[in-house]
N, C-alpha and C. Protein backbone atom coordinates (compact mmCIF):
# COMPACT_ATOMS: atom_id res chain seq x y z
N UNK A 1 -4.43 -1.86 37.43
CA UNK A 1 -4.05 -1.51 36.06
C UNK A 1 -3.73 -2.80 35.29
N UNK A 2 -4.28 -2.96 34.07
CA UNK A 2 -4.01 -4.17 33.30
C UNK A 2 -2.55 -4.26 32.85
N UNK A 3 -2.08 -5.47 32.71
CA UNK A 3 -0.72 -5.72 32.22
C UNK A 3 -0.64 -5.29 30.76
N UNK A 4 0.28 -4.37 30.38
CA UNK A 4 0.36 -3.89 28.99
C UNK A 4 0.77 -4.98 28.00
N UNK A 5 1.29 -6.10 28.49
CA UNK A 5 1.66 -7.21 27.59
C UNK A 5 0.45 -8.05 27.20
N UNK A 6 -0.64 -7.90 27.94
CA UNK A 6 -1.82 -8.72 27.70
C UNK A 6 -2.35 -8.53 26.28
N UNK A 7 -2.61 -9.62 25.59
CA UNK A 7 -3.20 -9.62 24.25
C UNK A 7 -2.28 -9.05 23.18
N UNK A 8 -0.98 -9.12 23.36
CA UNK A 8 -0.01 -8.63 22.38
C UNK A 8 1.03 -9.70 22.09
N UNK A 9 1.67 -9.58 20.93
CA UNK A 9 2.80 -10.47 20.66
C UNK A 9 3.89 -10.09 21.64
N UNK A 10 4.41 -11.07 22.36
CA UNK A 10 5.37 -10.80 23.42
C UNK A 10 6.79 -11.22 23.05
N UNK A 11 6.93 -12.19 22.15
CA UNK A 11 8.26 -12.74 21.89
C UNK A 11 8.25 -13.41 20.52
N UNK A 12 9.31 -13.26 19.78
CA UNK A 12 9.46 -13.90 18.47
C UNK A 12 10.72 -14.74 18.53
N UNK A 13 10.61 -16.00 18.17
CA UNK A 13 11.77 -16.90 18.18
C UNK A 13 12.05 -17.36 16.76
N UNK A 14 13.31 -17.22 16.34
CA UNK A 14 13.71 -17.50 14.96
C UNK A 14 14.72 -18.65 14.96
N UNK A 15 14.50 -19.67 14.11
CA UNK A 15 15.50 -20.73 13.98
C UNK A 15 16.68 -20.22 13.16
N UNK A 16 17.88 -20.49 13.61
CA UNK A 16 19.07 -20.08 12.84
C UNK A 16 20.07 -21.22 12.80
N UNK A 17 20.74 -21.35 11.69
CA UNK A 17 21.76 -22.38 11.55
C UNK A 17 23.06 -21.96 12.22
N UNK A 18 23.35 -20.67 12.16
CA UNK A 18 24.61 -20.14 12.70
C UNK A 18 24.30 -18.93 13.57
N UNK A 19 24.26 -19.13 14.86
CA UNK A 19 23.86 -18.05 15.78
C UNK A 19 24.82 -16.85 15.68
N UNK A 20 26.12 -17.11 15.65
CA UNK A 20 27.08 -16.00 15.60
C UNK A 20 26.93 -15.18 14.32
N UNK A 21 26.74 -15.84 13.18
CA UNK A 21 26.57 -15.12 11.91
C UNK A 21 25.28 -14.31 11.93
N UNK A 22 24.22 -14.88 12.47
CA UNK A 22 22.94 -14.16 12.54
C UNK A 22 23.03 -12.97 13.48
N UNK A 23 23.68 -13.14 14.61
CA UNK A 23 23.87 -12.03 15.54
C UNK A 23 24.65 -10.91 14.87
N UNK A 24 25.74 -11.24 14.19
CA UNK A 24 26.57 -10.23 13.53
C UNK A 24 25.77 -9.50 12.45
N UNK A 25 24.99 -10.23 11.68
CA UNK A 25 24.19 -9.64 10.60
C UNK A 25 23.18 -8.64 11.17
N UNK A 26 22.39 -9.04 12.16
CA UNK A 26 21.35 -8.16 12.69
C UNK A 26 21.92 -7.06 13.59
N UNK A 27 23.06 -7.30 14.20
CA UNK A 27 23.72 -6.23 14.95
C UNK A 27 24.12 -5.12 13.98
N UNK A 28 24.70 -5.50 12.83
CA UNK A 28 25.15 -4.51 11.85
C UNK A 28 23.98 -3.86 11.12
N UNK A 29 22.95 -4.63 10.79
CA UNK A 29 21.82 -4.08 10.03
C UNK A 29 20.88 -3.26 10.90
N UNK A 30 20.56 -3.75 12.09
CA UNK A 30 19.51 -3.14 12.92
C UNK A 30 20.01 -2.53 14.22
N UNK A 31 21.26 -2.82 14.59
CA UNK A 31 21.78 -2.31 15.86
C UNK A 31 21.33 -3.10 17.07
N UNK A 32 20.80 -4.31 16.86
CA UNK A 32 20.34 -5.12 17.98
C UNK A 32 21.52 -5.58 18.83
N UNK A 33 21.28 -5.68 20.13
CA UNK A 33 22.23 -6.27 21.07
C UNK A 33 21.67 -7.61 21.51
N UNK A 34 22.55 -8.51 21.90
CA UNK A 34 22.15 -9.88 22.21
C UNK A 34 22.63 -10.30 23.59
N UNK A 35 21.89 -11.21 24.20
CA UNK A 35 22.29 -11.88 25.42
C UNK A 35 22.39 -13.36 25.10
N UNK A 36 23.55 -13.94 25.33
CA UNK A 36 23.75 -15.36 25.06
C UNK A 36 23.26 -16.19 26.24
N UNK A 37 22.56 -17.28 25.91
CA UNK A 37 22.04 -18.21 26.90
C UNK A 37 22.58 -19.60 26.58
N UNK A 38 23.88 -19.71 26.48
CA UNK A 38 24.52 -20.96 26.11
C UNK A 38 24.83 -20.97 24.62
N UNK A 39 25.36 -22.07 24.12
CA UNK A 39 25.80 -22.11 22.72
C UNK A 39 24.65 -22.20 21.71
N UNK A 40 23.45 -22.49 22.16
CA UNK A 40 22.34 -22.73 21.24
C UNK A 40 21.22 -21.72 21.29
N UNK A 41 21.44 -20.59 22.01
CA UNK A 41 20.37 -19.61 22.13
C UNK A 41 20.92 -18.23 22.44
N UNK A 42 20.34 -17.22 21.80
CA UNK A 42 20.66 -15.82 22.10
C UNK A 42 19.37 -15.01 22.00
N UNK A 43 19.14 -14.14 22.95
CA UNK A 43 17.94 -13.29 22.92
C UNK A 43 18.31 -11.87 22.52
N UNK A 44 17.30 -11.13 22.05
CA UNK A 44 17.51 -9.73 21.65
C UNK A 44 16.26 -8.92 21.98
N UNK A 45 16.42 -7.61 21.95
CA UNK A 45 15.31 -6.69 22.03
C UNK A 45 15.56 -5.63 20.97
N UNK A 46 14.58 -5.38 20.11
CA UNK A 46 14.77 -4.39 19.05
C UNK A 46 14.33 -3.00 19.47
N UNK A 47 14.04 -2.82 20.74
CA UNK A 47 13.55 -1.54 21.25
C UNK A 47 12.05 -1.57 21.50
N UNK A 48 11.39 -2.58 20.93
CA UNK A 48 9.95 -2.72 21.09
C UNK A 48 9.52 -4.16 21.33
N UNK A 49 10.16 -5.10 20.64
CA UNK A 49 9.78 -6.51 20.74
C UNK A 49 10.99 -7.33 21.17
N UNK A 50 10.76 -8.28 22.08
CA UNK A 50 11.80 -9.23 22.47
C UNK A 50 11.75 -10.43 21.54
N UNK A 51 12.92 -11.04 21.38
CA UNK A 51 12.97 -12.24 20.56
C UNK A 51 14.22 -13.03 20.85
N UNK A 52 14.38 -14.10 20.10
CA UNK A 52 15.55 -14.94 20.29
C UNK A 52 15.89 -15.71 19.03
N UNK A 53 17.14 -16.10 18.95
CA UNK A 53 17.64 -16.99 17.91
C UNK A 53 17.96 -18.31 18.57
N UNK A 54 17.39 -19.39 18.04
CA UNK A 54 17.70 -20.73 18.56
C UNK A 54 18.36 -21.54 17.46
N UNK A 55 19.39 -22.27 17.82
CA UNK A 55 20.09 -23.09 16.84
C UNK A 55 19.14 -24.15 16.31
N UNK A 56 19.09 -24.28 14.97
CA UNK A 56 18.20 -25.24 14.32
C UNK A 56 18.75 -25.58 12.94
N UNK A 57 18.25 -26.62 12.36
CA UNK A 57 18.63 -26.98 11.00
C UNK A 57 17.58 -26.53 10.00
N UNK A 58 16.45 -26.03 10.48
CA UNK A 58 15.38 -25.55 9.62
C UNK A 58 15.50 -24.05 9.42
N UNK A 59 14.71 -23.53 8.47
CA UNK A 59 14.66 -22.09 8.25
C UNK A 59 13.21 -21.64 8.20
N UNK A 60 12.99 -20.36 8.35
CA UNK A 60 11.65 -19.77 8.27
C UNK A 60 11.50 -19.09 6.91
N UNK A 61 10.76 -19.75 6.01
CA UNK A 61 10.56 -19.26 4.65
C UNK A 61 9.08 -19.32 4.33
N UNK A 62 8.53 -18.23 3.78
CA UNK A 62 7.08 -18.17 3.56
C UNK A 62 6.58 -19.22 2.58
N UNK A 63 7.37 -19.57 1.57
CA UNK A 63 6.93 -20.61 0.62
C UNK A 63 6.74 -21.96 1.29
N UNK A 64 7.33 -22.12 2.48
CA UNK A 64 7.18 -23.36 3.24
C UNK A 64 6.18 -23.20 4.39
N UNK A 65 5.45 -22.07 4.40
CA UNK A 65 4.40 -21.88 5.39
C UNK A 65 4.78 -21.06 6.60
N UNK A 66 5.95 -20.47 6.61
CA UNK A 66 6.40 -19.70 7.76
C UNK A 66 5.72 -18.33 7.83
N UNK A 67 5.63 -17.82 9.03
CA UNK A 67 5.22 -16.44 9.25
C UNK A 67 6.34 -15.53 8.75
N UNK A 68 6.00 -14.38 8.20
CA UNK A 68 6.99 -13.43 7.70
C UNK A 68 7.18 -12.31 8.74
N UNK A 69 8.40 -12.11 9.16
CA UNK A 69 8.73 -10.98 10.04
C UNK A 69 9.09 -9.80 9.14
N UNK A 70 8.40 -8.68 9.34
CA UNK A 70 8.58 -7.50 8.51
C UNK A 70 9.19 -6.39 9.35
N UNK A 71 10.31 -5.87 8.89
CA UNK A 71 11.02 -4.78 9.56
C UNK A 71 10.68 -3.46 8.86
N UNK A 72 10.85 -2.35 9.55
CA UNK A 72 10.63 -1.03 8.96
C UNK A 72 11.93 -0.26 8.93
N UNK A 73 12.25 0.32 7.79
CA UNK A 73 13.40 1.22 7.63
C UNK A 73 12.94 2.43 6.83
N UNK A 74 13.40 3.63 7.21
CA UNK A 74 13.04 4.85 6.49
C UNK A 74 13.55 4.85 5.06
N UNK A 75 14.79 4.41 4.84
CA UNK A 75 15.43 4.47 3.53
C UNK A 75 15.52 3.05 2.95
N UNK A 76 14.52 2.69 2.17
CA UNK A 76 14.43 1.33 1.65
C UNK A 76 15.59 1.00 0.71
N UNK A 77 15.93 1.93 -0.19
CA UNK A 77 16.99 1.65 -1.16
C UNK A 77 18.35 1.45 -0.48
N UNK A 78 18.66 2.26 0.51
CA UNK A 78 19.91 2.09 1.24
C UNK A 78 19.91 0.78 2.02
N UNK A 79 18.74 0.36 2.49
CA UNK A 79 18.64 -0.89 3.24
C UNK A 79 18.87 -2.10 2.34
N UNK A 80 18.38 -2.04 1.10
CA UNK A 80 18.67 -3.11 0.13
C UNK A 80 20.18 -3.27 -0.01
N UNK A 81 20.87 -2.16 -0.23
CA UNK A 81 22.34 -2.20 -0.38
C UNK A 81 23.01 -2.75 0.87
N UNK A 82 22.57 -2.32 2.02
CA UNK A 82 23.18 -2.76 3.28
C UNK A 82 22.97 -4.26 3.50
N UNK A 83 21.76 -4.76 3.23
CA UNK A 83 21.49 -6.19 3.36
C UNK A 83 22.46 -6.98 2.49
N UNK A 84 22.65 -6.54 1.24
CA UNK A 84 23.56 -7.24 0.33
C UNK A 84 25.01 -7.14 0.80
N UNK A 85 25.42 -5.97 1.30
CA UNK A 85 26.79 -5.80 1.82
C UNK A 85 27.07 -6.76 2.97
N UNK A 86 26.05 -7.02 3.78
CA UNK A 86 26.21 -7.87 4.96
C UNK A 86 26.06 -9.36 4.66
N UNK A 87 25.81 -9.70 3.40
CA UNK A 87 25.71 -11.10 3.01
C UNK A 87 24.30 -11.64 2.91
N UNK A 88 23.30 -10.78 3.07
CA UNK A 88 21.92 -11.21 2.86
C UNK A 88 21.65 -11.34 1.37
N UNK A 89 20.62 -12.11 1.03
CA UNK A 89 20.25 -12.32 -0.38
C UNK A 89 18.86 -11.75 -0.61
N UNK A 90 18.73 -10.88 -1.60
CA UNK A 90 17.43 -10.32 -1.94
C UNK A 90 16.63 -11.40 -2.68
N UNK A 91 15.46 -11.75 -2.16
CA UNK A 91 14.64 -12.79 -2.78
C UNK A 91 13.44 -12.22 -3.53
N UNK A 92 13.00 -11.03 -3.17
CA UNK A 92 11.96 -10.31 -3.90
C UNK A 92 12.40 -8.86 -3.96
N UNK A 93 12.76 -8.37 -5.15
CA UNK A 93 13.20 -6.98 -5.26
C UNK A 93 12.10 -6.02 -4.81
N UNK A 94 12.47 -4.77 -4.62
CA UNK A 94 11.55 -3.74 -4.15
C UNK A 94 10.31 -3.70 -5.05
N UNK A 95 9.15 -3.69 -4.40
CA UNK A 95 7.88 -3.56 -5.11
C UNK A 95 6.98 -2.64 -4.31
N UNK A 96 6.03 -2.03 -5.01
CA UNK A 96 5.07 -1.12 -4.37
C UNK A 96 3.81 -1.88 -3.98
N UNK A 97 3.18 -1.40 -2.94
CA UNK A 97 1.88 -1.89 -2.51
C UNK A 97 1.13 -0.67 -1.95
N UNK A 98 -0.18 -0.73 -1.77
CA UNK A 98 -0.89 0.44 -1.26
C UNK A 98 -0.29 0.91 0.07
N UNK A 99 0.26 2.10 0.09
CA UNK A 99 0.82 2.67 1.31
C UNK A 99 2.32 2.59 1.44
N UNK A 100 3.00 1.89 0.53
CA UNK A 100 4.44 1.82 0.68
C UNK A 100 5.13 0.95 -0.35
N UNK A 101 6.37 0.60 -0.01
CA UNK A 101 7.20 -0.28 -0.84
C UNK A 101 7.89 -1.25 0.09
N UNK A 102 8.27 -2.42 -0.44
CA UNK A 102 9.01 -3.38 0.38
C UNK A 102 9.81 -4.32 -0.49
N UNK A 103 10.70 -5.06 0.19
CA UNK A 103 11.46 -6.13 -0.45
C UNK A 103 11.62 -7.26 0.55
N UNK A 104 11.97 -8.44 0.05
CA UNK A 104 12.22 -9.61 0.91
C UNK A 104 13.67 -10.02 0.75
N UNK A 105 14.22 -10.59 1.83
CA UNK A 105 15.59 -11.08 1.79
C UNK A 105 15.73 -12.29 2.71
N UNK A 106 16.82 -13.01 2.52
CA UNK A 106 17.17 -14.07 3.47
C UNK A 106 18.44 -13.65 4.20
N UNK A 107 18.49 -14.01 5.47
CA UNK A 107 19.65 -13.72 6.31
C UNK A 107 20.71 -14.81 6.11
N UNK A 108 21.85 -14.75 6.80
CA UNK A 108 22.90 -15.76 6.61
C UNK A 108 22.46 -17.20 6.90
N UNK A 109 21.41 -17.38 7.70
CA UNK A 109 20.92 -18.72 7.99
C UNK A 109 19.86 -19.19 6.99
N UNK A 110 19.44 -18.32 6.07
CA UNK A 110 18.44 -18.68 5.09
C UNK A 110 17.01 -18.34 5.47
N UNK A 111 16.81 -17.60 6.57
CA UNK A 111 15.48 -17.18 6.99
C UNK A 111 15.02 -15.99 6.18
N UNK A 112 13.74 -15.99 5.81
CA UNK A 112 13.17 -14.91 5.02
C UNK A 112 12.62 -13.81 5.92
N UNK A 113 12.94 -12.59 5.59
CA UNK A 113 12.43 -11.39 6.25
C UNK A 113 11.99 -10.42 5.17
N UNK A 114 11.23 -9.40 5.54
CA UNK A 114 10.88 -8.33 4.62
C UNK A 114 11.20 -7.01 5.28
N UNK A 115 11.41 -6.00 4.46
CA UNK A 115 11.60 -4.64 4.93
C UNK A 115 10.63 -3.76 4.15
N UNK A 116 9.94 -2.88 4.85
CA UNK A 116 9.03 -1.97 4.17
C UNK A 116 9.33 -0.54 4.58
N UNK A 117 8.84 0.39 3.76
CA UNK A 117 8.92 1.82 4.03
C UNK A 117 7.73 2.49 3.38
N UNK A 118 7.35 3.61 3.92
CA UNK A 118 6.26 4.37 3.32
C UNK A 118 6.72 4.97 2.00
N UNK A 119 5.76 5.26 1.12
CA UNK A 119 6.08 5.95 -0.14
C UNK A 119 6.60 7.33 0.21
N UNK A 120 7.61 7.75 -0.51
CA UNK A 120 8.16 9.10 -0.27
C UNK A 120 7.63 10.07 -1.29
């Protein structure tokens, strides 16, 4: 039987300036749990994809050529409010595209993410 990981994205690593702040933000927003691997690294699993936060002075921003990580939430408007409550900054307000709506935000470390939802 072939390995189900073959030919798939297996791991996403995100640079963060403040690992504890990033962990707290994504724990509250997404419910992610983390495993610490020393002071400069923490891994997570979102239920489908594994990833990690590594301490860095850089950020992942699309205007600087970074890949965009896009999350899915059923209630886009409530997610905008929650991101702001948790200290995230909305960088592109909600907009429509064929098949749904989305917005972009930066996390406490300044990394850009997007959230999308299907049209209701």
